[in-house]
N, C-alpha and C. Protein backbone atom coordinates (compact mmCIF):
# COMPACT_ATOMS: atom_id res chain seq x y z
N MET A 1 -33.09 -2.32 76.31
CA MET A 1 -32.82 -1.55 77.38
C MET A 1 -31.68 -1.65 78.11
N GLY A 2 -30.96 -3.13 77.77
CA GLY A 2 -29.80 -3.55 78.29
C GLY A 2 -29.84 -3.94 79.77
N LEU A 3 -31.01 -4.43 80.19
CA LEU A 3 -31.47 -4.87 81.56
C LEU A 3 -30.92 -6.31 81.88
N ILE A 4 -30.84 -7.13 80.77
CA ILE A 4 -30.30 -8.64 81.09
C ILE A 4 -29.25 -8.54 79.99
N SER A 5 -28.27 -9.66 80.34
CA SER A 5 -27.17 -10.04 79.19
C SER A 5 -27.81 -10.72 78.32
N ASP A 6 -27.09 -11.19 77.27
CA ASP A 6 -27.56 -11.74 75.98
C ASP A 6 -27.59 -13.40 76.74
N GLN A 7 -26.43 -13.67 77.53
CA GLN A 7 -26.67 -14.99 77.94
C GLN A 7 -27.58 -15.17 78.57
N GLU A 8 -28.17 -14.19 79.73
CA GLU A 8 -29.30 -14.29 80.32
C GLU A 8 -30.85 -14.35 79.63
N CYS A 9 -30.76 -13.54 78.48
CA CYS A 9 -31.65 -13.67 77.49
C CYS A 9 -31.94 -15.02 76.69
N GLN A 10 -30.94 -15.72 76.55
CA GLN A 10 -30.80 -17.00 76.05
C GLN A 10 -31.20 -18.15 76.89
N GLU A 11 -31.04 -18.02 78.37
CA GLU A 11 -31.17 -18.75 79.28
C GLU A 11 -32.70 -18.90 79.26
N CYS A 12 -33.31 -17.48 79.34
CA CYS A 12 -35.03 -17.51 79.58
C CYS A 12 -35.61 -18.17 78.36
N GLU A 13 -35.01 -17.94 77.25
CA GLU A 13 -35.56 -18.64 75.85
C GLU A 13 -35.49 -20.02 76.24
N LEU A 14 -34.35 -20.66 76.64
CA LEU A 14 -34.52 -22.06 77.09
C LEU A 14 -35.60 -22.43 77.98
N ILE A 15 -35.79 -21.79 79.05
CA ILE A 15 -36.91 -21.89 79.93
C ILE A 15 -38.17 -21.80 79.47
N ARG A 16 -38.34 -20.94 78.61
CA ARG A 16 -39.63 -20.67 77.71
C ARG A 16 -39.74 -21.91 76.89
N LYS A 17 -38.84 -22.56 76.15
CA LYS A 17 -39.02 -23.64 75.13
C LYS A 17 -39.43 -24.96 75.92
N ILE A 18 -38.57 -25.05 76.90
CA ILE A 18 -39.05 -26.25 78.07
C ILE A 18 -40.36 -26.16 78.34
N ARG A 19 -40.84 -25.04 78.93
CA ARG A 19 -42.34 -24.92 79.54
C ARG A 19 -43.16 -25.33 78.33
N ASN A 20 -42.94 -24.77 77.22
CA ASN A 20 -43.73 -24.83 76.08
C ASN A 20 -43.74 -26.51 75.57
N GLU A 21 -42.83 -27.40 75.74
CA GLU A 21 -42.80 -28.73 75.29
C GLU A 21 -44.00 -29.11 76.29
N PHE A 22 -43.80 -28.89 77.55
CA PHE A 22 -44.74 -29.47 78.63
C PHE A 22 -46.06 -28.96 78.46
N ALA A 23 -46.25 -27.90 78.00
CA ALA A 23 -47.57 -27.35 77.95
C ALA A 23 -48.37 -27.84 77.02
N HIS A 24 -47.58 -28.19 75.77
CA HIS A 24 -48.22 -28.37 74.37
C HIS A 24 -48.68 -29.89 74.08
N LYS A 25 -47.93 -30.91 74.89
CA LYS A 25 -47.90 -32.17 74.65
C LYS A 25 -48.51 -32.93 75.91
N MET A 26 -49.29 -33.86 75.43
CA MET A 26 -50.06 -34.73 76.71
C MET A 26 -49.24 -35.47 77.53
N LYS A 27 -48.06 -36.34 76.83
CA LYS A 27 -47.06 -37.00 77.43
C LYS A 27 -45.82 -36.54 77.26
N MET A 28 -45.37 -35.88 78.46
CA MET A 28 -43.91 -35.18 78.27
C MET A 28 -43.15 -35.58 79.45
N SER A 29 -41.94 -35.97 79.48
CA SER A 29 -40.98 -36.18 80.52
C SER A 29 -39.51 -35.70 80.25
N PHE A 30 -38.89 -35.34 81.19
CA PHE A 30 -37.45 -34.90 81.03
C PHE A 30 -36.38 -35.69 80.35
N SER A 31 -36.83 -36.96 80.32
CA SER A 31 -35.83 -37.90 79.54
C SER A 31 -36.00 -37.65 77.96
N VAL A 32 -36.99 -37.01 77.44
CA VAL A 32 -37.42 -37.04 75.94
C VAL A 32 -36.75 -35.80 75.38
N GLU A 33 -36.24 -36.04 74.30
CA GLU A 33 -35.94 -34.90 73.46
C GLU A 33 -37.02 -34.34 73.07
N PRO A 34 -37.08 -32.81 72.57
CA PRO A 34 -36.04 -32.21 72.80
C PRO A 34 -35.57 -31.59 74.17
N VAL A 35 -36.49 -31.76 75.17
CA VAL A 35 -36.35 -31.31 76.57
C VAL A 35 -35.09 -31.77 77.32
N ARG A 36 -34.77 -32.99 77.17
CA ARG A 36 -33.24 -33.21 77.50
C ARG A 36 -32.24 -32.45 76.88
N GLY A 37 -32.14 -32.18 75.56
CA GLY A 37 -31.23 -31.58 75.04
C GLY A 37 -31.10 -30.27 75.46
N LEU A 38 -32.31 -29.46 75.81
CA LEU A 38 -32.40 -28.07 76.07
C LEU A 38 -32.05 -27.76 77.42
N CYS A 39 -32.41 -28.74 78.54
CA CYS A 39 -31.91 -28.85 79.72
C CYS A 39 -30.21 -28.84 79.85
N GLY A 40 -29.67 -29.72 79.04
CA GLY A 40 -28.32 -29.98 78.84
C GLY A 40 -27.45 -28.69 78.31
N SER A 41 -28.13 -27.88 77.45
CA SER A 41 -27.62 -26.48 77.01
C SER A 41 -27.65 -25.30 77.93
N MET A 42 -28.18 -25.61 79.28
CA MET A 42 -28.47 -24.35 80.10
C MET A 42 -27.13 -24.16 80.61
N ASN A 43 -26.80 -22.72 80.61
CA ASN A 43 -25.44 -22.13 81.22
C ASN A 43 -25.60 -21.83 82.54
N TYR A 44 -26.80 -21.77 83.34
CA TYR A 44 -26.52 -21.47 84.81
C TYR A 44 -27.05 -22.50 85.50
N SER A 45 -27.26 -23.76 84.92
CA SER A 45 -27.36 -25.03 85.95
C SER A 45 -25.97 -25.18 86.81
N VAL A 46 -26.46 -25.96 88.11
CA VAL A 46 -25.17 -26.36 89.00
C VAL A 46 -24.08 -27.18 88.22
N PRO A 47 -22.87 -26.92 87.97
CA PRO A 47 -21.83 -27.61 87.53
C PRO A 47 -22.17 -29.14 88.02
N GLY A 48 -22.10 -29.91 86.94
CA GLY A 48 -21.98 -31.25 87.55
C GLY A 48 -23.24 -32.15 87.67
N GLU A 49 -24.40 -31.34 87.74
CA GLU A 49 -25.73 -31.79 87.63
C GLU A 49 -25.81 -32.37 86.57
N LYS A 50 -26.43 -33.80 86.44
CA LYS A 50 -26.49 -34.54 85.54
C LYS A 50 -28.03 -34.61 84.80
N SER A 51 -29.15 -34.69 85.93
CA SER A 51 -30.34 -34.88 85.62
C SER A 51 -30.91 -33.66 84.85
N PRO A 52 -31.72 -33.87 83.86
CA PRO A 52 -32.44 -32.62 83.07
C PRO A 52 -33.24 -31.79 84.08
N ARG A 53 -34.07 -32.43 84.81
CA ARG A 53 -34.88 -31.81 86.00
C ARG A 53 -33.86 -30.87 86.81
N GLY A 54 -32.79 -31.44 87.00
CA GLY A 54 -32.21 -30.60 88.15
C GLY A 54 -31.17 -29.31 87.33
N GLN A 55 -31.02 -29.55 85.95
CA GLN A 55 -30.50 -28.82 85.54
C GLN A 55 -31.41 -27.38 85.08
N LEU A 56 -32.56 -27.92 84.95
CA LEU A 56 -33.65 -26.83 84.84
C LEU A 56 -33.68 -26.07 85.94
N THR A 57 -34.08 -26.78 87.24
CA THR A 57 -34.47 -26.18 88.50
C THR A 57 -33.44 -25.32 88.94
N SER A 58 -32.14 -25.99 88.67
CA SER A 58 -30.92 -24.86 89.51
C SER A 58 -30.90 -23.59 88.42
N SER A 59 -30.96 -23.85 87.07
CA SER A 59 -30.95 -22.71 86.05
C SER A 59 -31.91 -21.66 86.27
N ALA A 60 -33.39 -22.32 86.61
CA ALA A 60 -34.49 -21.28 86.79
C ALA A 60 -34.08 -20.46 88.41
N VAL A 61 -33.51 -21.22 89.27
CA VAL A 61 -33.32 -20.61 90.72
C VAL A 61 -32.20 -19.63 90.38
N VAL A 62 -31.27 -19.75 89.77
CA VAL A 62 -30.28 -18.65 89.59
C VAL A 62 -30.65 -17.50 88.60
N MET A 63 -31.61 -18.02 87.76
CA MET A 63 -32.14 -16.66 87.03
C MET A 63 -33.19 -15.89 87.80
N LEU A 64 -33.91 -16.66 88.91
CA LEU A 64 -34.88 -15.93 89.45
C LEU A 64 -33.99 -14.80 90.53
N LEU A 65 -33.00 -15.42 90.98
CA LEU A 65 -32.19 -14.44 91.94
C LEU A 65 -31.60 -13.48 91.14
N ARG A 66 -31.02 -13.68 89.95
CA ARG A 66 -30.43 -12.73 89.35
C ARG A 66 -31.32 -11.47 88.99
N LEU A 67 -32.52 -11.68 88.30
CA LEU A 67 -33.40 -10.98 87.88
C LEU A 67 -33.93 -10.48 89.00
N THR A 68 -34.29 -10.93 90.37
CA THR A 68 -35.05 -10.15 91.41
C THR A 68 -33.94 -8.93 92.04
N ASN A 69 -32.76 -9.46 92.17
CA ASN A 69 -31.76 -8.64 92.59
C ASN A 69 -31.32 -7.58 91.38
N ARG A 70 -31.72 -7.66 90.22
CA ARG A 70 -31.39 -6.73 89.40
C ARG A 70 -32.24 -5.45 89.58
N ALA A 71 -33.18 -5.39 89.91
CA ALA A 71 -33.92 -4.25 90.22
C ALA A 71 -33.20 -3.36 91.10
N HIS A 72 -32.74 -4.01 92.52
CA HIS A 72 -31.71 -3.11 93.24
C HIS A 72 -30.83 -2.43 92.50
N TYR A 73 -29.81 -3.11 91.95
CA TYR A 73 -28.77 -2.44 90.85
C TYR A 73 -29.41 -1.38 89.83
N VAL A 74 -30.36 -1.66 89.37
CA VAL A 74 -30.90 -0.63 88.32
C VAL A 74 -31.04 0.55 89.00
N ARG A 75 -31.90 0.41 90.46
CA ARG A 75 -32.25 1.56 91.05
C ARG A 75 -31.03 2.54 91.60
N GLN A 76 -30.00 1.78 91.82
CA GLN A 76 -28.70 2.33 92.17
C GLN A 76 -28.21 3.15 90.70
N LYS A 77 -28.21 2.92 89.61
CA LYS A 77 -28.13 3.80 88.45
C LYS A 77 -28.91 4.61 87.92
N ALA A 78 -30.05 4.52 88.37
CA ALA A 78 -31.30 5.41 87.76
C ALA A 78 -30.72 6.74 87.56
N LEU A 79 -31.00 7.35 86.35
CA LEU A 79 -30.84 8.53 86.23
C LEU A 79 -31.72 9.71 86.76
N VAL A 80 -31.14 10.91 87.10
CA VAL A 80 -31.83 11.97 87.44
C VAL A 80 -32.28 12.93 86.56
N TYR A 81 -33.46 13.75 86.63
CA TYR A 81 -33.90 14.60 85.68
C TYR A 81 -32.87 15.55 85.65
N GLN A 82 -32.53 16.07 84.28
CA GLN A 82 -31.69 17.28 84.08
C GLN A 82 -31.95 17.73 82.80
N ASN A 83 -31.58 19.14 82.66
CA ASN A 83 -31.94 19.77 81.64
C ASN A 83 -30.98 19.55 80.36
N TRP A 84 -31.21 18.83 79.11
CA TRP A 84 -30.42 18.35 78.45
C TRP A 84 -30.28 19.84 77.41
N PRO A 85 -29.13 19.91 76.74
CA PRO A 85 -28.87 20.83 75.84
C PRO A 85 -29.83 20.78 74.66
N ILE A 86 -29.82 21.87 73.83
CA ILE A 86 -30.46 21.72 72.79
C ILE A 86 -29.81 21.57 71.46
């Protein structure tokens, strides 16, 4: 549908993978691979943020803001009904 960019989709996938690591393992921490590597590859984390937890948190906040505001922008471009030629 084109509502999110490829980069936003990739960021959501990283967040999902990190969430799954914590959900499916009894002992998990941000210092353990692959969580640390996944957090390090996030595109929307605050520049200069070094801690994996900070990278995930800042990226998740950015994604929440982007996607929450997206509804406003989509509404502005909403198509109106028209008779389409046959």
